[in-house]
Structures are given as structure tokens and as C-alpha cells.
């Protein structure tokens, strides 16, 4: 969370609601969200999108912890699986089937091991995508405070969008280029999803809004 030694920054009413909703459940995860808001407002900083993207990625990654679910990143990472293929690939290049940079002839043992490793990799990839989807869907089902269960089609659509947004912030955290408008638009989508999950009960919504409005009036 921000301290007195950090620069002051401005949050919108919606962002205050989001921060309150998360902080009621997990202070550390709320701190990641607040760190992202602070980072993206550091004008002139070449690393502000990287820093903010990293914080939001961690925030989205850790959200399942609130509901005692595995985090998205607790599943094997793609980069680790690709690294596992390195040795198979380097060995396969010594195959008698590789001549002048091309693959020819019958499959030998070296190439067979590479093809088996690739088959395992793509099978794993097909298996992991629905697992992440299932985790995200379960998060939204448990997050919803309404008396009735969240419709399955809504939780599915919400989970798919959450994973796409997670991918965007992960790429920004790894120095993919973006713009302030694009970053804020994607961040707004994350905030809307969080609010739609955690503040659907009117009494909770109104109480939180009243508190924020009273604070803003006091600061005016």
C-alpha cells in the first residue's frame, strides 16, 4: 500500500471502490493493485508501464488465493516447458535425417525423441488452457455475493476475458509496447470485472459509495 514517503496519486471513485473491495478480503493483493495505480501515474518514467503491468499481472495471478484456489501461475509455466524442449531439439539437429538444414529420409531415434517431446508439449498445452479457464471460472463463482449462483455462461465469458487481460498485462510486464490509453482501457476492464463480482449486493455497494463520497467531500 502507499506510504507517506511515496508520491501522492489520484484515484477515481471506481478505483477506490475496487481497492476497498479487495482490501476487505486480502490486504497484500490490494497493495498490488494500488502499486499499479501509483506506477502508471509516474509521468516521464520509461518503466512505468512495465512496473504497472507487473503489479497488475501479480494482482490477477494472486486473486484465486482469496478463495483458496490455485493461482494461475501455479500451473507449469510455458517458458519452463519450452526450456525442457531445448535438449531434445539440440540433439535432434545431429540426426542423420537432417541434411543441409532440411529434414530427409526415415525417422531415426534422435528425431523420434524430438517428435515425442513435441507431442507431449502440445498435449500439455491443450490440457492447461481449460485448467486455467476452470480456475478463473471458479474464482468468479465464489466471488459473486449474490443469493443465486452465477450463470455458467456468464462465469465462462468473464473467465475468458480475465485470461485475455492477464495475457495483456503479462506481455506489458515483459516490455511489450503499449500506450497510456490502451493500458487504462484494459485496466478499466479489470476493475469492472472485480466490481461486478464483489459489489453486486446493493447494501454493500451503497455503503461503500457513501463512505467514498463522504471522504471526497471532506477533502474538497
Protein backbone atom coordinates (compact mmCIF):
# COMPACT_ATOMS: atom_id res chain seq x y z
CA UNK A 1 0.00 0.00 0.00
CA UNK A 2 1.12 3.58 -0.50
CA UNK A 3 3.02 5.19 2.38
CA UNK A 4 3.72 8.78 3.35
CA UNK A 5 7.14 8.54 1.69
CA UNK A 6 5.62 7.71 -1.70
CA UNK A 7 4.35 10.35 -4.15
CA UNK A 8 0.69 11.25 -3.85
CA UNK A 9 -1.55 9.99 -6.61
CA UNK A 10 -5.18 10.31 -7.57
CA UNK A 11 -7.72 7.51 -7.64
CA UNK A 12 -11.13 7.70 -9.25
CA UNK A 13 -14.22 6.80 -7.24
CA UNK A 14 -14.38 3.46 -9.03
CA UNK A 15 -10.76 2.70 -8.22
CA UNK A 16 -11.40 3.46 -4.56
CA UNK A 17 -14.29 1.02 -4.64
CA UNK A 18 -12.12 -1.64 -6.23
CA UNK A 19 -9.37 -1.10 -3.66
CA UNK A 20 -11.89 -1.32 -0.82
CA UNK A 21 -13.47 -4.48 -2.23
CA UNK A 22 -10.11 -6.24 -2.50
CA UNK A 23 -8.67 -4.93 0.78
CA UNK A 24 -11.65 -6.35 2.69
CA UNK A 25 -10.52 -9.78 1.53
CA UNK A 26 -6.73 -9.58 1.22
CA UNK A 27 -4.50 -6.61 2.04
CA UNK A 28 -1.48 -7.91 0.13
CA UNK A 29 -3.43 -8.35 -3.08
CA UNK A 30 -4.96 -4.90 -2.63
CA UNK A 31 -1.43 -3.50 -2.27
CA UNK A 32 -0.50 -4.87 -5.70
CA UNK A 33 -3.47 -3.06 -7.26
CA UNK A 34 -2.56 0.19 -5.51
CA UNK A 35 1.09 -0.19 -6.60
CA UNK A 36 -0.08 -0.47 -10.21
CA UNK A 37 -2.13 2.72 -9.96
CA UNK A 38 0.84 4.54 -8.47
CA UNK A 39 3.28 3.25 -11.10
CA UNK A 40 1.19 4.17 -14.13
CA UNK A 41 0.88 7.77 -12.90
CA UNK A 42 4.64 8.30 -12.83
CA UNK A 43 4.83 10.64 -15.81
CA UNK A 44 8.14 10.67 -17.62
CA UNK A 45 9.17 7.26 -16.30
CA UNK A 46 10.23 4.94 -19.11
CA UNK A 47 9.44 1.94 -16.94
CA UNK A 48 6.00 2.97 -15.71
CA UNK A 49 4.05 0.60 -17.97
CA UNK A 50 6.43 -2.25 -17.18
CA UNK A 51 6.13 -1.63 -13.43
CA UNK A 52 2.35 -1.15 -13.52
CA UNK A 53 1.85 -4.15 -15.81
CA UNK A 54 3.94 -6.32 -13.50
CA UNK A 55 1.87 -5.27 -10.46
CA UNK A 56 -1.46 -5.90 -12.21
CA UNK A 57 -0.22 -9.25 -13.51
CA UNK A 58 0.69 -10.29 -9.96
CA UNK A 59 -2.64 -8.98 -8.67
CA UNK A 60 -4.60 -11.01 -11.24
CA UNK A 61 -2.34 -14.01 -10.66
CA UNK A 62 -2.96 -13.92 -6.88
CA UNK A 63 -6.72 -13.30 -6.90
CA UNK A 64 -7.61 -17.02 -6.63
CA UNK A 65 -5.78 -17.14 -3.27
CA UNK A 66 -8.66 -15.21 -1.75
CA UNK A 67 -10.88 -18.22 -2.38
CA UNK A 68 -8.30 -20.92 -1.53
CA UNK A 69 -7.85 -21.82 -5.18
CA UNK A 70 -4.59 -22.46 -7.07
CA UNK A 71 -3.15 -19.36 -8.71
CA UNK A 72 -2.93 -19.18 -12.49
CA UNK A 73 0.85 -19.18 -12.29
CA UNK A 74 0.96 -22.26 -10.07
CA UNK A 75 0.35 -24.30 -13.20
CA UNK A 76 3.57 -25.13 -15.11
CA UNK A 77 4.84 -22.10 -17.00
CA UNK A 78 5.05 -22.16 -20.79
CA UNK A 79 8.63 -20.87 -20.68
CA UNK A 80 9.65 -23.79 -18.46
CA UNK A 81 8.08 -26.32 -20.80
CA UNK A 82 9.81 -24.79 -23.81
CA UNK A 83 13.11 -24.90 -21.94
CA UNK A 84 12.57 -28.61 -21.46
CA UNK A 85 12.48 -29.00 -25.25
CA UNK A 86 15.89 -27.39 -25.74
CA UNK A 87 17.93 -30.53 -25.20
CA UNK A 88 15.66 -32.62 -27.46
CA UNK A 89 15.93 -30.02 -30.19
CA UNK A 90 19.73 -29.69 -29.95
CA UNK A 91 20.13 -33.46 -30.02
CA UNK A 92 17.73 -33.88 -32.94
CA UNK A 93 19.79 -31.49 -35.06
CA UNK A 94 22.52 -34.14 -35.05
CA UNK A 95 20.10 -36.62 -36.61
CA UNK A 96 21.03 -38.30 -39.89
CA UNK A 97 17.61 -37.12 -41.09
CA UNK A 98 18.86 -33.52 -41.12
CA UNK A 99 20.89 -32.74 -44.23
CA UNK A 100 21.92 -29.19 -45.19
CA UNK A 101 19.29 -27.69 -42.86
CA UNK A 102 16.47 -29.89 -44.17
CA UNK A 103 14.76 -33.00 -42.84
CA UNK A 104 15.01 -36.02 -45.13
CA UNK A 105 14.69 -39.77 -45.10
CA UNK A 106 13.22 -42.08 -42.47
CA UNK A 107 12.84 -41.04 -38.85
CA UNK A 108 15.78 -42.12 -36.71
CA UNK A 109 15.97 -42.38 -32.92
CA UNK A 110 17.09 -38.78 -32.35
CA UNK A 111 14.28 -37.28 -34.40
CA UNK A 112 11.77 -39.68 -32.88
CA UNK A 113 12.63 -38.41 -29.38
CA UNK A 114 12.09 -34.81 -30.50
CA UNK A 115 8.74 -35.60 -32.11
CA UNK A 116 7.65 -37.44 -28.96
CA UNK A 117 8.68 -34.45 -26.82
CA UNK A 118 6.73 -32.11 -29.12
CA UNK A 119 3.67 -34.33 -28.92
CA UNK A 120 3.87 -34.27 -25.12
CA UNK A 121 4.26 -30.48 -25.18
CA UNK A 122 1.21 -29.83 -27.34
CA UNK A 123 -0.87 -32.31 -25.35
CA UNK A 124 0.15 -30.45 -22.18
CA UNK A 125 -0.73 -27.10 -23.76
CA UNK A 126 -4.20 -28.30 -24.76
CA UNK A 127 -4.71 -29.57 -21.22
CA UNK A 128 -3.54 -26.40 -19.46
CA UNK A 129 -5.78 -23.90 -21.24
CA UNK A 130 -9.04 -25.40 -19.90
CA UNK A 131 -7.47 -25.77 -16.43
CA UNK A 132 -6.74 -22.06 -16.28
CA UNK A 133 -10.23 -21.39 -17.57
CA UNK A 134 -11.72 -23.61 -14.86
CA UNK A 135 -9.74 -21.86 -12.12
CA UNK A 136 -10.85 -18.44 -13.35
CA UNK A 137 -14.49 -19.55 -13.60
CA UNK A 138 -14.41 -20.95 -10.07
CA UNK A 139 -12.96 -17.66 -8.79
CA UNK A 140 -15.88 -15.74 -10.24
CA UNK A 141 -18.43 -18.21 -8.91
CA UNK A 142 -17.01 -17.94 -5.39
CA UNK A 143 -16.53 -14.17 -5.64
CA UNK A 144 -20.12 -13.47 -6.54
CA UNK A 145 -22.03 -12.37 -3.42
CA UNK A 146 -25.50 -12.73 -4.90
CA UNK A 147 -28.00 -15.23 -3.41
CA UNK A 148 -28.25 -17.21 -6.67
CA UNK A 149 -25.41 -18.99 -8.43
CA UNK A 150 -23.74 -17.03 -11.20
CA UNK A 151 -24.99 -18.31 -14.60
CA UNK A 152 -22.41 -20.66 -16.12
CA UNK A 153 -22.31 -18.78 -19.42
CA UNK A 154 -21.56 -15.51 -17.60
CA UNK A 155 -18.78 -17.02 -15.50
CA UNK A 156 -17.34 -18.62 -18.64
CA UNK A 157 -17.32 -15.35 -20.62
CA UNK A 158 -15.91 -13.46 -17.65
CA UNK A 159 -13.15 -16.04 -17.17
CA UNK A 160 -12.16 -15.94 -20.84
CA UNK A 161 -11.90 -12.17 -20.76
CA UNK A 162 -9.96 -12.26 -17.49
CA UNK A 163 -7.40 -14.63 -19.03
CA UNK A 164 -7.02 -12.42 -22.10
CA UNK A 165 -6.46 -9.40 -19.90
CA UNK A 166 -3.99 -11.41 -17.84
CA UNK A 167 -2.12 -12.16 -21.06
CA UNK A 168 -2.05 -8.47 -22.00
CA UNK A 169 -0.60 -7.34 -18.65
CA UNK A 170 1.88 -10.22 -18.71
CA UNK A 171 3.15 -9.06 -22.10
CA UNK A 172 3.42 -5.46 -20.87
CA UNK A 173 5.35 -6.71 -17.83
CA UNK A 174 7.76 -8.31 -20.30
CA UNK A 175 8.29 -4.98 -22.09
CA UNK A 176 5.74 -5.26 -24.92
CA UNK A 177 4.89 -1.80 -26.19
CA UNK A 178 1.59 -0.19 -25.23
CA UNK A 179 0.03 3.24 -24.85
CA UNK A 180 -1.49 5.02 -21.88
CA UNK A 181 -4.95 4.89 -23.45
CA UNK A 182 -4.67 1.16 -24.15
CA UNK A 183 -3.31 0.42 -20.67
CA UNK A 184 -6.05 2.41 -18.95
CA UNK A 185 -8.73 0.81 -21.11
CA UNK A 186 -7.56 -2.71 -20.17
CA UNK A 187 -7.20 -1.70 -16.52
CA UNK A 188 -10.76 -0.37 -16.57
CA UNK A 189 -11.97 -3.74 -17.81
CA UNK A 190 -10.23 -5.48 -14.90
CA UNK A 191 -11.79 -3.02 -12.47
CA UNK A 192 -15.26 -3.52 -13.92
CA UNK A 193 -14.96 -7.29 -13.61
CA UNK A 194 -13.81 -7.02 -9.99
CA UNK A 195 -16.65 -4.66 -9.10
CA UNK A 196 -19.28 -6.74 -10.86
CA UNK A 197 -18.14 -9.73 -8.81
CA UNK A 198 -17.63 -8.19 -5.39
CA UNK A 199 -20.21 -5.39 -5.23
CA UNK A 200 -23.41 -6.79 -6.64
CA UNK A 201 -25.30 -6.51 -3.36
CA UNK A 202 -26.87 -3.02 -3.23
CA UNK A 203 -26.38 -2.58 0.51
CA UNK A 204 -22.65 -3.19 0.24
CA UNK A 205 -22.37 -1.01 -2.85
CA UNK A 206 -24.22 1.94 -1.36
CA UNK A 207 -22.35 1.76 1.94
CA UNK A 208 -19.01 1.80 0.14
CA UNK A 209 -20.07 4.61 -2.20
CA UNK A 210 -21.35 6.71 0.68
CA UNK A 211 -18.05 6.33 2.51
CA UNK A 212 -16.06 7.36 -0.55
CA UNK A 213 -18.28 10.34 -1.30
CA UNK A 214 -18.00 11.50 2.32
CA UNK A 215 -14.21 11.25 2.09
CA UNK A 216 -14.10 13.21 -1.17
CA UNK A 217 -16.36 15.92 0.26
CA UNK A 218 -14.07 16.20 3.29
CA UNK A 219 -11.05 16.65 1.01
CA UNK A 220 -12.78 19.29 -1.15
